[in-house]
Amino acid sequence: MPYVVLYDKERSDSEKEMQELVRGVADQAREKKRDVCGNESKLENDKEQGEEYQVFRKRKKKEWNTRDEKA
C-alpha cells in the first residue's frame, strides 16, 4: 500500500535555523565558560572565589543537613 509523506519546507527550514541558533549560543557559552542561560559556570565561580567560598559552602551544607534531620 503506497503512502504519501507531506513535507513542509518552511517548517523544516525554521527547525534548522533554530538548531543552528541553539548550537551558536551553546558554543558561545562554552567559550565564555558560562551556561546557556548566561550564568557563570559554578565550577569557575568556585575556583575564582577560592578557599573562603568553599568553607562557606561547607558550613551552609551542614546547616541544611541538620535542618533536614530535624524535619
PDB file of N, CA and C in Angstrom:
ATOM      1  N   MET A   1       0.853  -1.184   0.000  1.00  0.00           N
ATOM      2  CA  MET A   1       0.000   0.000   0.000  1.00  0.00           C
ATOM      3  C   MET A   1       0.893   1.239   0.000  1.00  0.00           C
ATOM      4  N   PRO A   2       0.776   2.081  -1.003  1.00  0.00           N
ATOM      5  CA  PRO A   2       1.613   3.295  -1.071  1.00  0.00           C
ATOM      6  C   PRO A   2       1.153   4.343  -0.050  1.00  0.00           C
ATOM      7  N   TYR A   3       2.084   5.147   0.358  1.00  0.00           N
ATOM      8  CA  TYR A   3       1.742   6.241   1.261  1.00  0.00           C
ATOM      9  C   TYR A   3       2.463   7.508   0.819  1.00  0.00           C
ATOM     10  N   VAL A   4       1.948   8.638   1.283  1.00  0.00           N
ATOM     11  CA  VAL A   4       2.496   9.939   0.908  1.00  0.00           C
ATOM     12  C   VAL A   4       3.038  10.607   2.167  1.00  0.00           C
ATOM     13  N   VAL A   5       4.246  11.118   2.060  1.00  0.00           N
ATOM     14  CA  VAL A   5       4.841  11.864   3.166  1.00  0.00           C
ATOM     15  C   VAL A   5       4.714  13.342   2.836  1.00  0.00           C
ATOM     16  N   LEU A   6       4.038  14.070   3.709  1.00  0.00           N
ATOM     17  CA  LEU A   6       3.891  15.509   3.495  1.00  0.00           C
ATOM     18  C   LEU A   6       5.147  16.197   4.011  1.00  0.00           C
ATOM     19  N   TYR A   7       5.674  17.067   3.233  1.00  0.00           N
ATOM     20  CA  TYR A   7       6.929  17.750   3.569  1.00  0.00           C
ATOM     21  C   TYR A   7       6.666  19.238   3.599  1.00  0.00           C
ATOM     22  N   ASP A   8       6.855  19.830   4.749  1.00  0.00           N
ATOM     23  CA  ASP A   8       6.646  21.264   4.914  1.00  0.00           C
ATOM     24  C   ASP A   8       8.011  21.943   4.886  1.00  0.00           C
ATOM     25  N   LYS A   9       8.352  22.520   3.751  1.00  0.00           N
ATOM     26  CA  LYS A   9       9.686  23.102   3.572  1.00  0.00           C
ATOM     27  C   LYS A   9       9.942  24.254   4.553  1.00  0.00           C
ATOM     28  N   GLU A  10       8.946  25.114   4.753  1.00  0.00           N
ATOM     29  CA  GLU A  10       9.136  26.248   5.658  1.00  0.00           C
ATOM     30  C   GLU A  10       9.427  25.773   7.078  1.00  0.00           C
ATOM     31  N   ARG A  11       8.705  24.767   7.505  1.00  0.00           N
ATOM     32  CA  ARG A  11       8.903  24.277   8.873  1.00  0.00           C
ATOM     33  C   ARG A  11      10.283  23.657   9.024  1.00  0.00           C
ATOM     34  N   SER A  12      10.682  22.855   8.086  1.00  0.00           N
ATOM     35  CA  SER A  12      11.986  22.211   8.215  1.00  0.00           C
ATOM     36  C   SER A  12      13.103  23.253   8.179  1.00  0.00           C
ATOM     37  N   ASP A  13      12.955  24.290   7.382  1.00  0.00           N
ATOM     38  CA  ASP A  13      13.958  25.361   7.349  1.00  0.00           C
ATOM     39  C   ASP A  13      14.031  26.079   8.692  1.00  0.00           C
ATOM     40  N   SER A  14      12.860  26.369   9.283  1.00  0.00           N
ATOM     41  CA  SER A  14      12.874  27.082  10.558  1.00  0.00           C
ATOM     42  C   SER A  14      13.455  26.196  11.665  1.00  0.00           C
ATOM     43  N   GLU A  15      13.215  24.887  11.598  1.00  0.00           N
ATOM     44  CA  GLU A  15      13.803  23.993  12.588  1.00  0.00           C
ATOM     45  C   GLU A  15      15.322  23.974  12.463  1.00  0.00           C
ATOM     46  N   LYS A  16      15.811  23.982  11.235  1.00  0.00           N
ATOM     47  CA  LYS A  16      17.258  24.018  11.022  1.00  0.00           C
ATOM     48  C   LYS A  16      17.842  25.308  11.573  1.00  0.00           C
ATOM     49  N   GLU A  17      17.158  26.428  11.312  1.00  0.00           N
ATOM     50  CA  GLU A  17      17.632  27.708  11.833  1.00  0.00           C
ATOM     51  C   GLU A  17      17.680  27.691  13.359  1.00  0.00           C
ATOM     52  N   MET A  18      16.641  27.114  13.978  1.00  0.00           N
ATOM     53  CA  MET A  18      16.588  27.060  15.441  1.00  0.00           C
ATOM     54  C   MET A  18      17.733  26.201  15.973  1.00  0.00           C
ATOM     55  N   GLN A  19      18.000  25.063  15.324  1.00  0.00           N
ATOM     56  CA  GLN A  19      19.100  24.209  15.770  1.00  0.00           C
ATOM     57  C   GLN A  19      20.432  24.937  15.656  1.00  0.00           C
ATOM     58  N   GLU A  20      20.618  25.671  14.576  1.00  0.00           N
ATOM     59  CA  GLU A  20      21.860  26.425  14.400  1.00  0.00           C
ATOM     60  C   GLU A  20      21.990  27.509  15.461  1.00  0.00           C
ATOM     61  N   LEU A  21      20.872  28.167  15.766  1.00  0.00           N
ATOM     62  CA  LEU A  21      20.877  29.211  16.783  1.00  0.00           C
ATOM     63  C   LEU A  21      21.260  28.629  18.141  1.00  0.00           C
ATOM     64  N   VAL A  22      20.658  27.501  18.488  1.00  0.00           N
ATOM     65  CA  VAL A  22      20.945  26.865  19.776  1.00  0.00           C
ATOM     66  C   VAL A  22      22.409  26.443  19.828  1.00  0.00           C
ATOM     67  N   ARG A  23      22.905  25.875  18.740  1.00  0.00           N
ATOM     68  CA  ARG A  23      24.314  25.477  18.702  1.00  0.00           C
ATOM     69  C   ARG A  23      25.223  26.687  18.872  1.00  0.00           C
ATOM     70  N   GLY A  24      24.867  27.781  18.224  1.00  0.00           N
ATOM     71  CA  GLY A  24      25.671  29.000  18.323  1.00  0.00           C
ATOM     72  C   GLY A  24      25.733  29.523  19.747  1.00  0.00           C
ATOM     73  N   VAL A  25      24.582  29.528  20.432  1.00  0.00           N
ATOM     74  CA  VAL A  25      24.536  30.002  21.815  1.00  0.00           C
ATOM     75  C   VAL A  25      25.355  29.077  22.712  1.00  0.00           C
ATOM     76  N   ALA A  26      25.230  27.771  22.485  1.00  0.00           N
ATOM     77  CA  ALA A  26      25.991  26.812  23.298  1.00  0.00           C
ATOM     78  C   ALA A  26      27.493  26.978  23.070  1.00  0.00           C
ATOM     79  N   ASP A  27      27.890  27.206  21.824  1.00  0.00           N
ATOM     80  CA  ASP A  27      29.310  27.411  21.531  1.00  0.00           C
ATOM     81  C   ASP A  27      29.834  28.669  22.212  1.00  0.00           C
ATOM     82  N   GLN A  28      29.048  29.747  22.137  1.00  0.00           N
ATOM     83  CA  GLN A  28      29.463  30.986  22.797  1.00  0.00           C
ATOM     84  C   GLN A  28      29.575  30.790  24.301  1.00  0.00           C
ATOM     85  N   ALA A  29      28.627  30.045  24.859  1.00  0.00           N
ATOM     86  CA  ALA A  29      28.649  29.797  26.301  1.00  0.00           C
ATOM     87  C   ALA A  29      29.906  29.040  26.687  1.00  0.00           C
ATOM     88  N   ARG A  30      30.287  28.046  25.884  1.00  0.00           N
ATOM     89  CA  ARG A  30      31.497  27.275  26.181  1.00  0.00           C
ATOM     90  C   ARG A  30      32.726  28.165  26.130  1.00  0.00           C
ATOM     91  N   GLU A  31      32.757  29.063  25.133  1.00  0.00           N
ATOM     92  CA  GLU A  31      33.903  29.954  25.006  1.00  0.00           C
ATOM     93  C   GLU A  31      34.023  30.864  26.227  1.00  0.00           C
ATOM     94  N   LYS A  32      32.884  31.345  26.711  1.00  0.00           N
ATOM     95  CA  LYS A  32      32.900  32.283  27.832  1.00  0.00           C
ATOM     96  C   LYS A  32      32.809  31.569  29.181  1.00  0.00           C
ATOM     97  N   LYS A  33      32.763  30.237  29.145  1.00  0.00           N
ATOM     98  CA  LYS A  33      32.639  29.430  30.356  1.00  0.00           C
ATOM     99  C   LYS A  33      31.394  29.813  31.140  1.00  0.00           C
ATOM    100  N   ARG A  34      30.303  29.927  30.426  1.00  0.00           N
ATOM    101  CA  ARG A  34      29.013  30.207  31.053  1.00  0.00           C
ATOM    102  C   ARG A  34      28.027  29.142  30.606  1.00  0.00           C
ATOM    103  N   ASP A  35      26.964  28.970  31.384  1.00  0.00           N
ATOM    104  CA  ASP A  35      25.951  28.033  30.937  1.00  0.00           C
ATOM    105  C   ASP A  35      25.053  28.737  29.921  1.00  0.00           C
ATOM    106  N   VAL A  36      24.123  28.001  29.343  1.00  0.00           N
ATOM    107  CA  VAL A  36      23.332  28.528  28.233  1.00  0.00           C
ATOM    108  C   VAL A  36      22.477  29.721  28.671  1.00  0.00           C
ATOM    109  N   CYS A  37      22.092  29.779  29.946  1.00  0.00           N
ATOM    110  CA  CYS A  37      21.264  30.884  30.426  1.00  0.00           C
ATOM    111  C   CYS A  37      22.079  32.157  30.677  1.00  0.00           C
ATOM    112  N   GLY A  38      23.391  32.058  30.577  1.00  0.00           N
ATOM    113  CA  GLY A  38      24.230  33.232  30.759  1.00  0.00           C
ATOM    114  C   GLY A  38      24.878  33.326  32.122  1.00  0.00           C
ATOM    115  N   ASN A  39      24.570  32.370  33.005  1.00  0.00           N
ATOM    116  CA  ASN A  39      25.195  32.368  34.324  1.00  0.00           C
ATOM    117  C   ASN A  39      26.600  31.795  34.219  1.00  0.00           C
ATOM    118  N   GLU A  40      27.506  32.320  35.015  1.00  0.00           N
ATOM    119  CA  GLU A  40      28.861  31.771  35.008  1.00  0.00           C
ATOM    120  C   GLU A  40      28.794  30.349  35.542  1.00  0.00           C
ATOM    121  N   SER A  41      29.606  29.499  34.997  1.00  0.00           N
ATOM    122  CA  SER A  41      29.575  28.106  35.441  1.00  0.00           C
ATOM    123  C   SER A  41      29.987  28.030  36.911  1.00  0.00           C
ATOM    124  N   LYS A  42      29.368  27.131  37.640  1.00  0.00           N
ATOM    125  CA  LYS A  42      29.614  27.027  39.072  1.00  0.00           C
ATOM    126  C   LYS A  42      31.050  26.622  39.373  1.00  0.00           C
ATOM    127  N   LEU A  43      31.622  25.767  38.545  1.00  0.00           N
ATOM    128  CA  LEU A  43      33.000  25.343  38.784  1.00  0.00           C
ATOM    129  C   LEU A  43      33.958  26.527  38.690  1.00  0.00           C
ATOM    130  N   GLU A  44      33.744  27.389  37.716  1.00  0.00           N
ATOM    131  CA  GLU A  44      34.591  28.572  37.587  1.00  0.00           C
ATOM    132  C   GLU A  44      34.433  29.477  38.800  1.00  0.00           C
ATOM    133  N   ASN A  45      33.185  29.653  39.267  1.00  0.00           N
ATOM    134  CA  ASN A  45      32.957  30.505  40.437  1.00  0.00           C
ATOM    135  C   ASN A  45      33.696  29.961  41.647  1.00  0.00           C
ATOM    136  N   ASP A  46      33.626  28.648  41.840  1.00  0.00           N
ATOM    137  CA  ASP A  46      34.291  28.055  42.986  1.00  0.00           C
ATOM    138  C   ASP A  46      35.790  28.283  42.921  1.00  0.00           C
ATOM    139  N   LYS A  47      36.356  28.121  41.744  1.00  0.00           N
ATOM    140  CA  LYS A  47      37.794  28.309  41.605  1.00  0.00           C
ATOM    141  C   LYS A  47      38.179  29.764  41.845  1.00  0.00           C
ATOM    142  N   GLU A  48      37.382  30.674  41.286  1.00  0.00           N
ATOM    143  CA  GLU A  48      37.709  32.094  41.406  1.00  0.00           C
ATOM    144  C   GLU A  48      37.596  32.565  42.847  1.00  0.00           C
ATOM    145  N   GLN A  49      36.583  32.102  43.555  1.00  0.00           N
ATOM    146  CA  GLN A  49      36.376  32.597  44.906  1.00  0.00           C
ATOM    147  C   GLN A  49      37.222  31.859  45.933  1.00  0.00           C
ATOM    148  N   GLY A  50      37.759  30.739  45.519  1.00  0.00           N
ATOM    149  CA  GLY A  50      38.769  30.071  46.318  1.00  0.00           C
ATOM    150  C   GLY A  50      38.306  29.435  47.608  1.00  0.00           C
ATOM    151  N   GLU A  51      39.254  29.327  48.519  1.00  0.00           N
ATOM    152  CA  GLU A  51      39.049  28.558  49.743  1.00  0.00           C
ATOM    153  C   GLU A  51      37.977  29.171  50.641  1.00  0.00           C
ATOM    154  N   GLU A  52      37.929  30.486  50.713  1.00  0.00           N
ATOM    155  CA  GLU A  52      36.945  31.158  51.573  1.00  0.00           C
ATOM    156  C   GLU A  52      35.522  30.753  51.176  1.00  0.00           C
ATOM    157  N   TYR A  53      35.267  30.704  49.873  1.00  0.00           N
ATOM    158  CA  TYR A  53      33.945  30.342  49.383  1.00  0.00           C
ATOM    159  C   TYR A  53      33.645  28.869  49.672  1.00  0.00           C
ATOM    160  N   GLN A  54      34.655  28.014  49.557  1.00  0.00           N
ATOM    161  CA  GLN A  54      34.466  26.589  49.830  1.00  0.00           C
ATOM    162  C   GLN A  54      34.075  26.371  51.293  1.00  0.00           C
ATOM    163  N   VAL A  55      34.718  27.106  52.207  1.00  0.00           N
ATOM    164  CA  VAL A  55      34.405  26.989  53.627  1.00  0.00           C
ATOM    165  C   VAL A  55      32.961  27.420  53.872  1.00  0.00           C
ATOM    166  N   PHE A  56      32.553  28.510  53.234  1.00  0.00           N
ATOM    167  CA  PHE A  56      31.178  28.991  53.362  1.00  0.00           C
ATOM    168  C   PHE A  56      30.192  27.935  52.884  1.00  0.00           C
ATOM    169  N   ARG A  57      30.461  27.315  51.740  1.00  0.00           N
ATOM    170  CA  ARG A  57      29.557  26.294  51.197  1.00  0.00           C
ATOM    171  C   ARG A  57      29.462  25.087  52.123  1.00  0.00           C
ATOM    172  N   LYS A  58      30.591  24.681  52.701  1.00  0.00           N
ATOM    173  CA  LYS A  58      30.572  23.527  53.616  1.00  0.00           C
ATOM    174  C   LYS A  58      29.727  23.837  54.839  1.00  0.00           C
ATOM    175  N   ARG A  59      29.866  25.069  55.374  1.00  0.00           N
ATOM    176  CA  ARG A  59      29.088  25.462  56.554  1.00  0.00           C
ATOM    177  C   ARG A  59      27.594  25.459  56.226  1.00  0.00           C
ATOM    178  N   LYS A  60      27.238  26.010  55.073  1.00  0.00           N
ATOM    179  CA  LYS A  60      25.828  26.046  54.664  1.00  0.00           C
ATOM    180  C   LYS A  60      25.289  24.630  54.475  1.00  0.00           C
ATOM    181  N   LYS A  61      26.100  23.763  53.893  1.00  0.00           N
ATOM    182  CA  LYS A  61      25.674  22.392  53.656  1.00  0.00           C
ATOM    183  C   LYS A  61      25.371  21.697  54.986  1.00  0.00           C
ATOM    184  N   LYS A  62      26.226  21.943  55.999  1.00  0.00           N
ATOM    185  CA  LYS A  62      25.984  21.359  57.323  1.00  0.00           C
ATOM    186  C   LYS A  62      24.675  21.874  57.898  1.00  0.00           C
ATOM    187  N   GLU A  63      24.410  23.186  57.743  1.00  0.00           N
ATOM    188  CA  GLU A  63      23.167  23.766  58.247  1.00  0.00           C
ATOM    189  C   GLU A  63      21.965  23.109  57.578  1.00  0.00           C
ATOM    190  N   TRP A  64      22.040  22.918  56.268  1.00  0.00           N
ATOM    191  CA  TRP A  64      20.921  22.310  55.540  1.00  0.00           C
ATOM    192  C   TRP A  64      20.710  20.869  55.988  1.00  0.00           C
ATOM    193  N   ASN A  65      21.808  20.138  56.194  1.00  0.00           N
ATOM    194  CA  ASN A  65      21.692  18.742  56.612  1.00  0.00           C
ATOM    195  C   ASN A  65      21.063  18.626  57.992  1.00  0.00           C
ATOM    196  N   THR A  66      21.477  19.494  58.929  1.00  0.00           N
ATOM    197  CA  THR A  66      20.911  19.420  60.275  1.00  0.00           C
ATOM    198  C   THR A  66      19.443  19.840  60.250  1.00  0.00           C
ATOM    199  N   ARG A  67      19.093  20.792  59.415  1.00  0.00           N
ATOM    200  CA  ARG A  67      17.698  21.223  59.298  1.00  0.00           C
ATOM    201  C   ARG A  67      16.849  20.074  58.754  1.00  0.00           C
ATOM    202  N   ASP A  68      17.384  19.330  57.777  1.00  0.00           N
ATOM    203  CA  ASP A  68      16.649  18.203  57.202  1.00  0.00           C
ATOM    204  C   ASP A  68      16.461  17.085  58.223  1.00  0.00           C
ATOM    205  N   GLU A  69      17.492  16.875  59.076  1.00  0.00           N
ATOM    206  CA  GLU A  69      17.395  15.828  60.080  1.00  0.00           C
ATOM    207  C   GLU A  69      16.331  16.166  61.119  1.00  0.00           C
ATOM    208  N   LYS A  70      16.181  17.463  61.455  1.00  0.00           N
ATOM    209  CA  LYS A  70      15.184  17.883  62.435  1.00  0.00           C
ATOM    210  C   LYS A  70      13.772  17.717  61.897  1.00  0.00           C
ATOM    211  N   ALA A  71      13.605  17.886  60.590  1.00  0.00           N
ATOM    212  CA  ALA A  71      12.263  17.827  59.983  1.00  0.00           C
ATOM    213  C   ALA A  71      11.688  16.433  59.960  1.00  0.00           C
TER     214      ALA A  71
END
